[in-house]
C-alpha atoms as a PDB file:
ATOM      1  CA  MET A   1     -72.381 141.033-114.532  1.00  0.00           C
ATOM      2  CA  ASN A   2     -74.266 140.076-111.594  1.00  0.00           C
ATOM      3  CA  LEU A   3     -75.261 136.488-110.328  1.00  0.00           C
ATOM      4  CA  HIS A   4     -79.180 137.274-111.891  1.00  0.00           C
ATOM      5  CA  SER A   5     -77.563 137.945-115.428  1.00  0.00           C
ATOM      6  CA  ARG A   6     -75.467 134.612-115.078  1.00  0.00           C
ATOM      7  CA  CYS A   7     -77.820 131.873-113.811  1.00  0.00           C
ATOM      8  CA  SER A   8     -81.381 130.835-114.989  1.00  0.00           C
ATOM      9  CA  LEU A   9     -84.465 131.595-112.628  1.00  0.00           C
ATOM     10  CA  VAL A  10     -85.095 127.733-112.688  1.00  0.00           C
ATOM     11  CA  SER A  11     -81.672 126.834-111.656  1.00  0.00           C
ATOM     12  CA  ARG A  12     -81.433 129.618-109.121  1.00  0.00           C
ATOM     13  CA  VAL A  13     -84.851 128.742-107.570  1.00  0.00           C
ATOM     14  CA  LEU A  14     -83.801 124.613-107.725  1.00  0.00           C
ATOM     15  CA  PHE A  15     -80.575 125.524-105.809  1.00  0.00           C
ATOM     16  CA  LEU A  16     -82.336 127.869-103.210  1.00  0.00           C
ATOM     17  CA  ALA A  17     -84.592 125.056-102.469  1.00  0.00           C
ATOM     18  CA  LEU A  18     -81.686 122.745-101.509  1.00  0.00           C
ATOM     19  CA  LEU A  19     -80.549 125.225 -99.569  1.00  0.00           C
ATOM     20  CA  LEU A  20     -83.490 125.850 -97.894  1.00  0.00           C
ATOM     21  CA  ALA A  21     -84.174 122.294 -97.172  1.00  0.00           C
ATOM     22  CA  PRO A  22     -81.735 120.599 -95.414  1.00  0.00           C
ATOM     23  CA  VAL A  23     -83.447 118.782 -92.894  1.00  0.00           C
ATOM     24  CA  VAL A  24     -85.606 116.899 -95.708  1.00  0.00           C
ATOM     25  CA  ALA A  25     -81.721 116.068 -97.441  1.00  0.00           C
ATOM     26  CA  ILE A  26     -80.760 114.808 -93.745  1.00  0.00           C
ATOM     27  CA  ALA A  27     -83.656 112.617 -93.497  1.00  0.00           C
ATOM     28  CA  GLN A  28     -83.040 110.982 -96.805  1.00  0.00           C
ATOM     29  CA  ALA A  29     -79.850 109.511 -96.125  1.00  0.00           C
ATOM     30  CA  VAL A  30     -77.671 109.406 -92.877  1.00  0.00           C
ATOM     31  CA  THR A  31     -75.148 106.796 -92.039  1.00  0.00           C
ATOM     32  CA  GLY A  32     -72.141 106.195 -89.460  1.00  0.00           C
ATOM     33  CA  VAL A  33     -68.863 107.752 -90.784  1.00  0.00           C
ATOM     34  CA  GLY A  34     -65.639 106.054 -90.733  1.00  0.00           C
ATOM     35  CA  PHE A  35     -61.953 107.197 -91.037  1.00  0.00           C
ATOM     36  CA  GLN A  36     -58.565 106.505 -91.713  1.00  0.00           C
ATOM     37  CA  ALA A  37     -55.294 108.156 -91.863  1.00  0.00           C
ATOM     38  CA  ILE A  38     -53.251 108.303 -94.939  1.00  0.00           C
ATOM     39  CA  THR A  39     -50.198 109.692 -96.723  1.00  0.00           C
ATOM     40  CA  ILE A  40     -49.920 111.553 -99.970  1.00  0.00           C
ATOM     41  CA  HIS A  41     -47.044 111.788-102.046  1.00  0.00           C
ATOM     42  CA  ASP A  42     -45.950 115.574-101.797  1.00  0.00           C
ATOM     43  CA  PRO A  43     -44.927 116.552-105.343  1.00  0.00           C
ATOM     44  CA  VAL A  44     -43.697 119.765-104.253  1.00  0.00           C
ATOM     45  CA  ASN A  45     -40.926 119.103-101.651  1.00  0.00           C
ATOM     46  CA  GLY A  46     -40.759 115.376-102.130  1.00  0.00           C
ATOM     47  CA  GLY A  47     -41.566 112.685 -99.356  1.00  0.00           C
ATOM     48  CA  ILE A  48     -45.088 112.555 -98.019  1.00  0.00           C
ATOM     49  CA  THR A  49     -47.442 114.627 -96.450  1.00  0.00           C
ATOM     50  CA  PRO A  50     -50.334 113.214 -93.817  1.00  0.00           C
ATOM     51  CA  GLY A  51     -54.135 113.399 -94.480  1.00  0.00           C
ATOM     52  CA  TYR A  52     -57.504 111.714 -93.510  1.00  0.00           C
ATOM     53  CA  VAL A  53     -59.972 110.127 -95.480  1.00  0.00           C
ATOM     54  CA  PHE A  54     -63.413 109.882 -94.124  1.00  0.00           C
ATOM     55  CA  TYR A  55     -66.305 107.631 -95.534  1.00  0.00           C
ATOM     56  CA  PRO A  56     -69.932 106.413 -95.005  1.00  0.00           C
ATOM     57  CA  SER A  57     -69.975 103.547 -92.992  1.00  0.00           C
ATOM     58  CA  SER A  58     -73.159 100.977 -91.620  1.00  0.00           C
ATOM     59  CA  GLN A  59     -71.214 101.252 -87.825  1.00  0.00           C
ATOM     60  CA  PRO A  60     -72.296 103.632 -85.878  1.00  0.00           C
ATOM     61  CA  SER A  61     -69.999 107.030 -85.496  1.00  0.00           C
ATOM     62  CA  THR A  62     -67.920 107.191 -82.228  1.00  0.00           C
ATOM     63  CA  ILE A  63     -66.537 110.414 -80.665  1.00  0.00           C
ATOM     64  CA  ILE A  64     -62.952 109.981 -80.245  1.00  0.00           C
ATOM     65  CA  SER A  65     -59.744 112.413 -79.680  1.00  0.00           C
ATOM     66  CA  ARG A  66     -57.064 112.899 -82.220  1.00  0.00           C
ATOM     67  CA  GLY A  67     -55.052 115.634 -80.275  1.00  0.00           C
ATOM     68  CA  PRO A  68     -57.002 118.612 -79.484  1.00  0.00           C
ATOM     69  CA  TYR A  69     -59.836 117.613 -81.609  1.00  0.00           C
ATOM     70  CA  GLU A  70     -63.048 115.723 -80.509  1.00  0.00           C
ATOM     71  CA  VAL A  71     -63.812 114.060 -84.039  1.00  0.00           C
ATOM     72  CA  ASP A  72     -67.171 112.163 -84.570  1.00  0.00           C
ATOM     73  CA  ALA A  73     -66.199 109.253 -86.839  1.00  0.00           C
ATOM     74  CA  THR A  74     -64.894 105.748 -85.734  1.00  0.00           C
ATOM     75  CA  PRO A  75     -61.391 104.712 -86.835  1.00  0.00           C
ATOM     76  CA  ASP A  76     -61.009 101.984 -89.554  1.00  0.00           C
ATOM     77  CA  ALA A  77     -65.061 101.484 -89.443  1.00  0.00           C
ATOM     78  CA  PRO A  78     -65.723  99.030 -92.619  1.00  0.00           C
ATOM     79  CA  PRO A  79     -67.167 101.490 -95.637  1.00  0.00           C
ATOM     80  CA  ILE A  80     -70.439 101.149 -97.410  1.00  0.00           C
ATOM     81  CA  ALA A  81     -69.451  99.599-100.802  1.00  0.00           C
ATOM     82  CA  SER A  82     -70.250 101.431-104.094  1.00  0.00           C
ATOM     83  CA  ALA A  83     -68.515 104.745-105.790  1.00  0.00           C
ATOM     84  CA  LYS A  84     -69.158 107.717-104.303  1.00  0.00           C
ATOM     85  CA  PRO A  85     -68.655 111.587-104.826  1.00  0.00           C
ATOM     86  CA  LEU A  86     -65.128 112.796-103.447  1.00  0.00           C
ATOM     87  CA  VAL A  87     -64.402 116.420-101.546  1.00  0.00           C
ATOM     88  CA  VAL A  88     -61.035 117.193-100.716  1.00  0.00           C
ATOM     89  CA  ILE A  89     -60.824 119.902 -98.196  1.00  0.00           C
ATOM     90  CA  SER A  90     -57.876 122.420 -98.095  1.00  0.00           C
ATOM     91  CA  HIS A  91     -57.122 123.992 -94.711  1.00  0.00           C
ATOM     92  CA  GLY A  92     -56.010 127.467 -94.260  1.00  0.00           C
ATOM     93  CA  HIS A  93     -52.634 129.223 -93.288  1.00  0.00           C
ATOM     94  CA  GLY A  94     -51.184 127.113 -90.313  1.00  0.00           C
ATOM     95  CA  GLY A  95     -53.958 124.946 -90.099  1.00  0.00           C
ATOM     96  CA  THR A  96     -54.132 121.128 -89.927  1.00  0.00           C
ATOM     97  CA  ASP A  97     -55.584 118.385 -91.719  1.00  0.00           C
ATOM     98  CA  LEU A  98     -58.552 118.096 -88.694  1.00  0.00           C
ATOM     99  CA  GLY A  99     -59.271 121.696 -89.002  1.00  0.00           C
ATOM    100  CA  HIS A 100     -62.780 120.929 -90.708  1.00  0.00           C
ATOM    101  CA  HIS A 101     -63.276 117.738 -89.208  1.00  0.00           C
ATOM    102  CA  ASP A 102     -67.230 118.488 -88.791  1.00  0.00           C
ATOM    103  CA  LEU A 103     -67.462 119.266 -92.407  1.00  0.00           C
ATOM    104  CA  ALA A 104     -65.580 116.140 -93.235  1.00  0.00           C
ATOM    105  CA  VAL A 105     -68.083 114.353 -90.641  1.00  0.00           C
ATOM    106  CA  TYR A 106     -71.300 115.747 -92.199  1.00  0.00           C
ATOM    107  CA  LEU A 107     -70.130 115.354 -95.789  1.00  0.00           C
ATOM    108  CA  ALA A 108     -69.290 111.609 -95.429  1.00  0.00           C
ATOM    109  CA  SER A 109     -72.562 110.786 -93.417  1.00  0.00           C
ATOM    110  CA  HIS A 110     -74.373 111.991 -96.442  1.00  0.00           C
ATOM    111  CA  GLY A 111     -72.963 109.808 -98.936  1.00  0.00           C
ATOM    112  CA  PHE A 112     -69.145 111.293 -99.686  1.00  0.00           C
ATOM    113  CA  VAL A 113     -65.969 110.143 -99.682  1.00  0.00           C
ATOM    114  CA  VAL A 114     -63.802 113.019 -97.985  1.00  0.00           C
ATOM    115  CA  ALA A 115     -60.281 113.705 -97.787  1.00  0.00           C
ATOM    116  CA  THR A 116     -58.138 116.333 -96.137  1.00  0.00           C
ATOM    117  CA  LEU A 117     -54.220 116.697 -96.135  1.00  0.00           C
ATOM    118  CA  GLU A 118     -51.953 118.663 -94.242  1.00  0.00           C
ATOM    119  CA  HIS A 119     -50.345 121.158 -96.690  1.00  0.00           C
ATOM    120  CA  PRO A 120     -46.163 121.264 -96.068  1.00  0.00           C
ATOM    121  CA  LYS A 121     -44.444 124.277 -94.998  1.00  0.00           C
ATOM    122  CA  ASP A 122     -47.747 125.955 -93.932  1.00  0.00           C
ATOM    123  CA  ASN A 123     -49.542 123.991 -90.879  1.00  0.00           C
ATOM    124  CA  PHE A 124     -49.575 124.402 -87.742  1.00  0.00           C
ATOM    125  CA  HIS A 125     -45.896 123.012 -86.671  1.00  0.00           C
ATOM    126  CA  ASP A 126     -44.288 124.387 -89.577  1.00  0.00           C
ATOM    127  CA  THR A 127     -44.977 127.613 -91.223  1.00  0.00           C
ATOM    128  CA  SER A 128     -41.353 127.948 -93.122  1.00  0.00           C
ATOM    129  CA  GLY A 129     -42.797 128.240 -96.529  1.00  0.00           C
ATOM    130  CA  VAL A 130     -44.990 130.765 -95.997  1.00  0.00           C
ATOM    131  CA  GLY A 131     -44.971 133.472 -98.752  1.00  0.00           C
ATOM    132  CA  THR A 132     -42.354 131.509-101.069  1.00  0.00           C
ATOM    133  CA  ALA A 133     -43.345 129.572-104.309  1.00  0.00           C
ATOM    134  CA  ALA A 134     -43.459 126.141-102.469  1.00  0.00           C
ATOM    135  CA  VAL A 135     -46.637 127.512-100.800  1.00  0.00           C
ATOM    136  CA  LEU A 136     -48.455 129.851-102.857  1.00  0.00           C
ATOM    137  CA  ASP A 137     -47.802 127.911-106.252  1.00  0.00           C
ATOM    138  CA  GLY A 138     -47.482 124.180-104.472  1.00  0.00           C
ATOM    139  CA  ARG A 139     -50.723 124.496-102.660  1.00  0.00           C
ATOM    140  CA  PRO A 140     -53.198 123.271-105.748  1.00  0.00           C
ATOM    141  CA  ILE A 141     -50.495 120.717-107.015  1.00  0.00           C
ATOM    142  CA  GLN A 142     -50.748 119.072-103.283  1.00  0.00           C
ATOM    143  CA  LEU A 143     -54.382 119.177-103.483  1.00  0.00           C
ATOM    144  CA  LYS A 144     -54.374 117.533-107.112  1.00  0.00           C
ATOM    145  CA  ALA A 145     -52.022 114.842-105.690  1.00  0.00           C
ATOM    146  CA  ALA A 146     -54.576 114.030-102.866  1.00  0.00           C
ATOM    147  CA  ILE A 147     -57.002 113.174-105.324  1.00  0.00           C
ATOM    148  CA  SER A 148     -54.673 110.973-107.765  1.00  0.00           C
ATOM    149  CA  GLU A 149     -53.362 109.174-104.329  1.00  0.00           C
ATOM    150  CA  LEU A 150     -56.803 108.038-103.564  1.00  0.00           C
ATOM    151  CA  LEU A 151     -58.096 107.407-107.417  1.00  0.00           C
ATOM    152  CA  ASN A 152     -55.128 105.244-107.695  1.00  0.00           C
ATOM    153  CA  ASN A 153     -55.382 103.441-104.139  1.00  0.00           C
ATOM    154  CA  PRO A 154     -56.650  99.999-104.116  1.00  0.00           C
ATOM    155  CA  ARG A 155     -58.668 100.640-101.008  1.00  0.00           C
ATOM    156  CA  TRP A 156     -60.054 103.988-101.986  1.00  0.00           C
ATOM    157  CA  LYS A 157     -60.567 103.822-105.719  1.00  0.00           C
ATOM    158  CA  THR A 158     -63.524 101.640-105.729  1.00  0.00           C
ATOM    159  CA  LEU A 159     -65.166 103.847-103.066  1.00  0.00           C
ATOM    160  CA  ILE A 160     -64.613 106.815-105.748  1.00  0.00           C
ATOM    161  CA  ASP A 161     -66.680 108.193-108.495  1.00  0.00           C
ATOM    162  CA  PRO A 162     -63.569 109.872-110.598  1.00  0.00           C
ATOM    163  CA  ASN A 163     -66.569 111.895-112.545  1.00  0.00           C
ATOM    164  CA  ARG A 164     -67.982 113.507-109.224  1.00  0.00           C
ATOM    165  CA  ILE A 165     -65.029 115.189-107.818  1.00  0.00           C
ATOM    166  CA  GLY A 166     -65.179 118.698-105.619  1.00  0.00           C
ATOM    167  CA  VAL A 167     -62.710 120.538-103.386  1.00  0.00           C
ATOM    168  CA  ALA A 168     -63.402 122.529-100.328  1.00  0.00           C
ATOM    169  CA  GLY A 169     -60.924 125.550 -98.873  1.00  0.00           C
ATOM    170  CA  PHE A 170     -60.509 127.685 -96.127  1.00  0.00           C
ATOM    171  CA  SER A 171     -58.725 130.896 -96.306  1.00  0.00           C
ATOM    172  CA  ALA A 172     -55.392 130.141 -98.401  1.00  0.00           C
ATOM    173  CA  GLY A 173     -57.222 126.575 -98.933  1.00  0.00           C
ATOM    174  CA  GLY A 174     -59.819 128.590-100.526  1.00  0.00           C
ATOM    175  CA  TYR A 175     -57.207 130.372-102.893  1.00  0.00           C
ATOM    176  CA  ALA A 176     -56.038 126.984-103.792  1.00  0.00           C
ATOM    177  CA  ALA A 177     -59.527 125.741-104.329  1.00  0.00           C
ATOM    178  CA  LEU A 178     -60.105 128.410-106.422  1.00  0.00           C
ATOM    179  CA  MET A 179     -56.952 127.854-108.592  1.00  0.00           C
ATOM    180  CA  VAL A 180     -58.039 124.021-109.200  1.00  0.00           C
ATOM    181  CA  VAL A 181     -61.085 124.894-110.751  1.00  0.00           C
ATOM    182  CA  GLY A 182     -59.214 127.244-113.061  1.00  0.00           C
ATOM    183  CA  ALA A 183     -58.438 130.667-111.510  1.00  0.00           C
ATOM    184  CA  VAL A 184     -55.049 132.213-112.226  1.00  0.00           C
ATOM    185  CA  PRO A 185     -53.427 134.332-109.832  1.00  0.00           C
ATOM    186  CA  ARG A 186     -51.633 137.944-110.314  1.00  0.00           C
ATOM    187  CA  PHE A 187     -49.206 138.163-107.327  1.00  0.00           C
ATOM    188  CA  ASP A 188     -48.065 141.866-108.544  1.00  0.00           C
ATOM    189  CA  LEU A 189     -51.897 142.605-107.086  1.00  0.00           C
ATOM    190  CA  TYR A 190     -50.140 142.312-103.699  1.00  0.00           C
ATOM    191  CA  VAL A 191     -48.289 145.797-104.372  1.00  0.00           C
ATOM    192  CA  GLY A 192     -51.497 147.983-104.875  1.00  0.00           C
ATOM    193  CA  TYR A 193     -53.111 145.776-102.144  1.00  0.00           C
ATOM    194  CA  CYS A 194     -50.291 146.871 -99.723  1.00  0.00           C
ATOM    195  CA  LYS A 195     -50.563 150.281-100.450  1.00  0.00           C
ATOM    196  CA  ARG A 196     -54.334 150.448 -99.425  1.00  0.00           C
ATOM    197  CA  HIS A 197     -53.497 148.597 -96.499  1.00  0.00           C
ATOM    198  CA  PRO A 198     -50.035 149.167 -95.159  1.00  0.00           C
ATOM    199  CA  GLN A 199     -50.939 148.033 -92.089  1.00  0.00           C
ATOM    200  CA  ASP A 200     -51.255 144.339 -92.937  1.00  0.00           C
ATOM    201  CA  PRO A 201     -49.009 142.390 -90.997  1.00  0.00           C
ATOM    202  CA  ASP A 202     -48.603 140.460 -94.138  1.00  0.00           C
ATOM    203  CA  CYS A 203     -47.203 143.278 -96.246  1.00  0.00           C
ATOM    204  CA  GLY A 204     -43.906 144.105 -93.760  1.00  0.00           C
ATOM    205  CA  LEU A 205     -42.319 141.728 -96.078  1.00  0.00           C
ATOM    206  CA  LEU A 206     -43.468 143.195 -99.221  1.00  0.00           C
ATOM    207  CA  GLU A 207     -41.981 146.717 -97.946  1.00  0.00           C
ATOM    208  CA  LYS A 208     -39.174 145.329 -97.036  1.00  0.00           C
ATOM    209  CA  LEU A 209     -38.294 143.880-100.588  1.00  0.00           C
ATOM    210  CA  GLN A 210     -39.430 147.065-101.876  1.00  0.00           C
ATOM    211  CA  SER A 211     -36.747 149.061 -99.737  1.00  0.00           C
ATOM    212  CA  GLN A 212     -34.379 146.578-100.697  1.00  0.00           C
ATOM    213  CA  GLY A 213     -35.431 146.609-104.558  1.00  0.00           C
ATOM    214  CA  THR A 214     -35.922 143.300-104.760  1.00  0.00           C
ATOM    215  CA  ALA A 215     -39.911 143.318-104.612  1.00  0.00           C
ATOM    216  CA  THR A 216     -40.393 143.193-108.243  1.00  0.00           C
ATOM    217  CA  ALA A 217     -38.221 140.324-108.915  1.00  0.00           C
ATOM    218  CA  ALA A 218     -39.772 138.233-105.989  1.00  0.00           C
ATOM    219  CA  LEU A 219     -43.320 138.861-107.527  1.00  0.00           C
ATOM    220  CA  ALA A 220     -42.100 137.820-110.971  1.00  0.00           C
ATOM    221  CA  ALA A 221     -40.620 134.573-109.347  1.00  0.00           C
ATOM    222  CA  LEU A 222     -43.625 133.620-107.874  1.00  0.00           C
ATOM    223  CA  GLN A 223     -45.558 134.632-111.240  1.00  0.00           C
ATOM    224  CA  ALA A 224     -42.807 132.341-113.048  1.00  0.00           C
ATOM    225  CA  ASN A 225     -43.332 129.254-111.012  1.00  0.00           C
ATOM    226  CA  VAL A 226     -47.291 128.816-111.150  1.00  0.00           C
ATOM    227  CA  ASP A 227     -46.628 126.180-113.781  1.00  0.00           C
ATOM    228  CA  HIS A 228     -43.179 125.040-112.232  1.00  0.00           C
ATOM    229  CA  TRP A 229     -44.882 121.628-110.872  1.00  0.00           C
ATOM    230  CA  GLY A 230     -47.460 121.219-113.492  1.00  0.00           C
ATOM    231  CA  LYS A 231     -50.919 122.934-114.125  1.00  0.00           C
ATOM    232  CA  PRO A 232     -52.679 124.147-110.968  1.00  0.00           C
ATOM    233  CA  ASP A 233     -56.004 123.475-112.387  1.00  0.00           C
ATOM    234  CA  ASP A 234     -57.707 120.125-112.330  1.00  0.00           C
ATOM    235  CA  PRO A 235     -60.449 119.137-114.855  1.00  0.00           C
ATOM    236  CA  ARG A 236     -61.239 116.293-112.622  1.00  0.00           C
ATOM    237  CA  VAL A 237     -62.901 119.040-109.970  1.00  0.00           C
ATOM    238  CA  LYS A 238     -66.244 119.930-111.277  1.00  0.00           C
ATOM    239  CA  ALA A 239     -67.093 122.269-108.131  1.00  0.00           C
ATOM    240  CA  ALA A 240     -65.266 124.390-105.116  1.00  0.00           C
ATOM    241  CA  PHE A 241     -66.977 125.546-102.144  1.00  0.00           C
ATOM    242  CA  VAL A 242     -64.995 128.488-100.799  1.00  0.00           C
ATOM    243  CA  MET A 243     -64.855 129.725 -97.500  1.00  0.00           C
ATOM    244  CA  ALA A 244     -63.135 133.250 -96.581  1.00  0.00           C
ATOM    245  CA  PRO A 245     -60.680 132.862 -99.295  1.00  0.00           C
ATOM    246  CA  LEU A 246     -57.479 134.712 -99.777  1.00  0.00           C
ATOM    247  CA  SER A 247     -58.203 135.925-102.972  1.00  0.00           C
ATOM    248  CA  LEU A 248     -57.026 139.549-103.512  1.00  0.00           C
ATOM    249  CA  VAL A 249     -54.409 137.828-106.326  1.00  0.00           C
ATOM    250  CA  PHE A 250     -57.194 137.213-108.699  1.00  0.00           C
ATOM    251  CA  ASP A 251     -58.739 139.723-111.445  1.00  0.00           C
ATOM    252  CA  LYS A 252     -61.034 139.303-114.070  1.00  0.00           C
ATOM    253  CA  VAL A 253     -58.893 137.829-116.380  1.00  0.00           C
ATOM    254  CA  GLY A 254     -57.519 135.522-114.068  1.00  0.00           C
ATOM    255  CA  LEU A 255     -61.077 134.396-113.051  1.00  0.00           C
ATOM    256  CA  SER A 256     -62.421 134.138-116.671  1.00  0.00           C
ATOM    257  CA  HIS A 257     -60.893 130.732-116.636  1.00  0.00           C
ATOM    258  CA  VAL A 258     -63.208 129.371-114.271  1.00  0.00           C
ATOM    259  CA  ASP A 259     -65.859 126.993-115.681  1.00  0.00           C
ATOM    260  CA  TYR A 260     -67.099 125.255-112.640  1.00  0.00           C
ATOM    261  CA  PRO A 261     -69.878 126.243-110.236  1.00  0.00           C
ATOM    262  CA  VAL A 262     -68.086 128.173-107.147  1.00  0.00           C
ATOM    263  CA  PHE A 263     -70.207 128.932-104.073  1.00  0.00           C
ATOM    264  CA  LEU A 264     -68.353 131.622-101.610  1.00  0.00           C
ATOM    265  CA  TYR A 265     -68.774 132.045 -97.849  1.00  0.00           C
ATOM    266  CA  TYR A 266     -67.524 134.721 -95.694  1.00  0.00           C
ATOM    267  CA  GLY A 267     -67.944 136.374 -92.240  1.00  0.00           C
ATOM    268  CA  GLN A 268     -68.915 139.797 -92.090  1.00  0.00           C
ATOM    269  CA  ASP A 269     -66.155 141.310 -90.119  1.00  0.00           C
ATOM    270  CA  ASP A 270     -63.321 139.409 -91.287  1.00  0.00           C
ATOM    271  CA  GLN A 271     -60.089 141.380 -90.227  1.00  0.00           C
ATOM    272  CA  VAL A 272     -57.756 138.658 -91.314  1.00  0.00           C
ATOM    273  CA  LEU A 273     -58.942 138.780 -95.073  1.00  0.00           C
ATOM    274  CA  LEU A 274     -60.867 141.807 -95.605  1.00  0.00           C
ATOM    275  CA  PRO A 275     -64.157 141.061 -97.543  1.00  0.00           C
ATOM    276  CA  GLN A 276     -64.060 143.756-100.006  1.00  0.00           C
ATOM    277  CA  GLU A 277     -60.563 143.181-100.785  1.00  0.00           C
ATOM    278  CA  ASN A 278     -60.960 139.356-101.194  1.00  0.00           C
ATOM    279  CA  VAL A 279     -64.354 137.513-101.344  1.00  0.00           C
ATOM    280  CA  LEU A 280     -66.586 140.743-102.354  1.00  0.00           C
ATOM    281  CA  HIS A 281     -63.947 141.773-104.955  1.00  0.00           C
ATOM    282  CA  ILE A 282     -64.250 138.212-106.958  1.00  0.00           C
ATOM    283  CA  ALA A 283     -67.599 137.438-106.361  1.00  0.00           C
ATOM    284  CA  PRO A 284     -68.623 139.841-109.457  1.00  0.00           C
ATOM    285  CA  LEU A 285     -65.751 138.487-111.767  1.00  0.00           C
ATOM    286  CA  ILE A 286     -66.977 134.581-111.373  1.00  0.00           C
ATOM    287  CA  LYS A 287     -69.163 133.733-114.312  1.00  0.00           C
ATOM    288  CA  THR A 288     -70.202 130.097-112.788  1.00  0.00           C
ATOM    289  CA  LEU A 289     -71.038 131.887-109.227  1.00  0.00           C
ATOM    290  CA  ALA A 290     -73.433 129.667-107.781  1.00  0.00           C
ATOM    291  CA  GLY A 291     -74.251 131.521-104.405  1.00  0.00           C
ATOM    292  CA  ILE A 292     -72.730 133.288-101.916  1.00  0.00           C
ATOM    293  CA  THR A 293     -73.573 133.721 -97.788  1.00  0.00           C
ATOM    294  CA  MET A 294     -72.358 136.221 -95.071  1.00  0.00           C
ATOM    295  CA  ILE A 295     -72.196 135.626 -91.609  1.00  0.00           C
ATOM    296  CA  PRO A 296     -73.213 138.524 -89.611  1.00  0.00           C
ATOM    297  CA  LYS A 297     -70.533 139.743 -87.035  1.00  0.00           C
ATOM    298  CA  ALA A 298     -68.372 136.871 -87.906  1.00  0.00           C
ATOM    299  CA  GLY A 299     -64.784 137.141 -88.361  1.00  0.00           C
ATOM    300  CA  HIS A 300     -62.294 134.682 -90.089  1.00  0.00           C
ATOM    301  CA  TYR A 301     -61.750 131.830 -87.647  1.00  0.00           C
ATOM    302  CA  VAL A 302     -65.566 131.105 -87.562  1.00  0.00           C
ATOM    303  CA  PHE A 303     -65.372 128.756 -90.279  1.00  0.00           C
ATOM    304  CA  LEU A 304     -63.270 126.185 -88.318  1.00  0.00           C
ATOM    305  CA  SER A 305     -64.616 123.725 -86.771  1.00  0.00           C
ATOM    306  CA  PRO A 306     -66.213 124.268 -83.078  1.00  0.00           C
ATOM    307  CA  CYS A 307     -63.453 123.802 -80.920  1.00  0.00           C
ATOM    308  CA  SER A 308     -62.951 121.271 -77.941  1.00  0.00           C
ATOM    309  CA  PRO A 309     -62.417 122.304 -74.605  1.00  0.00           C
ATOM    310  CA  GLN A 310     -58.842 121.411 -75.111  1.00  0.00           C
ATOM    311  CA  LEU A 311     -58.366 123.303 -78.266  1.00  0.00           C
ATOM    312  CA  THR A 312     -60.390 126.492 -76.717  1.00  0.00           C
ATOM    313  CA  LYS A 313     -57.838 126.514 -73.942  1.00  0.00           C
ATOM    314  CA  ASP A 314     -54.614 126.191 -76.271  1.00  0.00           C
ATOM    315  CA  ALA A 315     -55.735 128.420 -79.066  1.00  0.00           C
ATOM    316  CA  ARG A 316     -58.539 130.787 -77.695  1.00  0.00           C
ATOM    317  CA  ASP A 317     -58.213 133.507 -80.287  1.00  0.00           C
ATOM    318  CA  ILE A 318     -59.179 131.008 -83.039  1.00  0.00           C
ATOM    319  CA  CYS A 319     -61.928 129.196 -80.990  1.00  0.00           C
ATOM    320  CA  THR A 320     -63.645 132.529 -79.692  1.00  0.00           C
ATOM    321  CA  ASP A 321     -65.907 134.340 -81.557  1.00  0.00           C
ATOM    322  CA  PRO A 322     -67.539 137.738 -81.388  1.00  0.00           C
ATOM    323  CA  GLN A 323     -70.732 138.461 -79.253  1.00  0.00           C
ATOM    324  CA  GLY A 324     -73.979 137.279 -81.311  1.00  0.00           C
ATOM    325  CA  VAL A 325     -71.983 134.584 -83.068  1.00  0.00           C
ATOM    326  CA  ASP A 326     -72.829 131.088 -82.489  1.00  0.00           C
ATOM    327  CA  ARG A 327     -70.190 128.773 -84.086  1.00  0.00           C
ATOM    328  CA  VAL A 328     -72.070 125.293 -83.434  1.00  0.00           C
ATOM    329  CA  ALA A 329     -75.071 126.871 -84.996  1.00  0.00           C
ATOM    330  CA  GLU A 330     -73.251 128.765 -88.058  1.00  0.00           C
ATOM    331  CA  HIS A 331     -71.739 125.459 -88.980  1.00  0.00           C
ATOM    332  CA  GLN A 332     -74.985 123.605 -88.898  1.00  0.00           C
ATOM    333  CA  ARG A 333     -76.008 126.186 -91.709  1.00  0.00           C
ATOM    334  CA  ILE A 334     -72.409 125.969 -93.523  1.00  0.00           C
ATOM    335  CA  ASN A 335     -72.419 122.032 -93.190  1.00  0.00           C
ATOM    336  CA  ALA A 336     -76.024 122.156 -95.243  1.00  0.00           C
ATOM    337  CA  SER A 337     -75.053 124.621 -97.420  1.00  0.00           C
ATOM    338  CA  ALA A 338     -71.998 122.418 -98.540  1.00  0.00           C
ATOM    339  CA  LEU A 339     -74.093 119.572 -98.739  1.00  0.00           C
ATOM    340  CA  ALA A 340     -76.673 121.105-100.943  1.00  0.00           C
ATOM    341  CA  PHE A 341     -73.709 122.679-103.143  1.00  0.00           C
ATOM    342  CA  PHE A 342     -71.811 119.427-103.610  1.00  0.00           C
ATOM    343  CA  ARG A 343     -75.641 117.648-104.222  1.00  0.00           C
ATOM    344  CA  LYS A 344     -76.558 119.766-107.015  1.00  0.00           C
ATOM    345  CA  THR A 345     -73.073 120.098-108.567  1.00  0.00           C
ATOM    346  CA  LEU A 346     -71.832 116.331-108.281  1.00  0.00           C
ATOM    347  CA  GLY A 347     -75.285 114.423-107.755  1.00  0.00           C
ATOM    348  CA  VAL A 348     -75.420 113.149-111.339  1.00  0.00           C
ATOM    349  CA  ALA A 349     -72.208 111.404-112.880  1.00  0.00           C
ATOM    350  CA  THR A 350     -71.058 112.615-116.369  1.00  0.00           C
ATOM    351  CA  HIS A 351     -70.208 109.758-118.410  1.00  0.00           C
END
């Protein structure tokens, strides 16, 4: 079933109008942005994990450095009072809690509270949990924990409308975002994928397990642990903006549980998560698909914030785009699309 048969003409026209008029939206309400570091309890591994909260402020923003990132927000600036919609951002494999800082700042400057977190054992300084249940089953649990932390924290709960919560995710973060809105993975789908794409480096471990006769048991263990730390889906979350997701593990049955709007975004020439096996595979299976956008010629990492000179020097592979792709210009469109989507889906509280 395609998008035309899922959405009424009226709702599609209204949604497109929002996407085509970002300049009007910007003119309506742009504020300064404050941000503050937070710590979030990690129910999967124990201990805490770091993150940030971005929020509207009457104080003008200033560009400051945080490691290799140049963030257009003011540390500890006073927030503008009143309850606002919340968006939580989940980074990709080996990423950071500032990997999408421009999206966080953009949404915050237009009236949202935005939280980021660093997923334990799958971040830039520690990838020890990749391929394990603690990451593949734990990521959505950590997203839920971030939401709970903000809603229970005396400083932040007065700034958040608990009836207007969304998630955004990139790559493995897109996978987690889909699970939070109801998608159920089938890890045995990796077997078929690796048969079709044996050259994929991530299939090396599966091939080794198969040769040892333990692949089936390993995948079954991942499946058995999906609910180990609680249900991955979170009824508090009403919308998901999903960029270049790891989604080959979702099928029609697993996606049938997604009842909230999902917007998909991908790069045409993504060689890390092949579109035909991931985003284009799931698009026709999501009954609540609100839209899908492709960035011509772009690769996987176009969704990371435009890099500072320091980060470009340190990580050229993730900072350099193919010829003809302007990351700064594409992020203006990505951010405007995210704003339009979340305004449409979270704009009216449901009490």
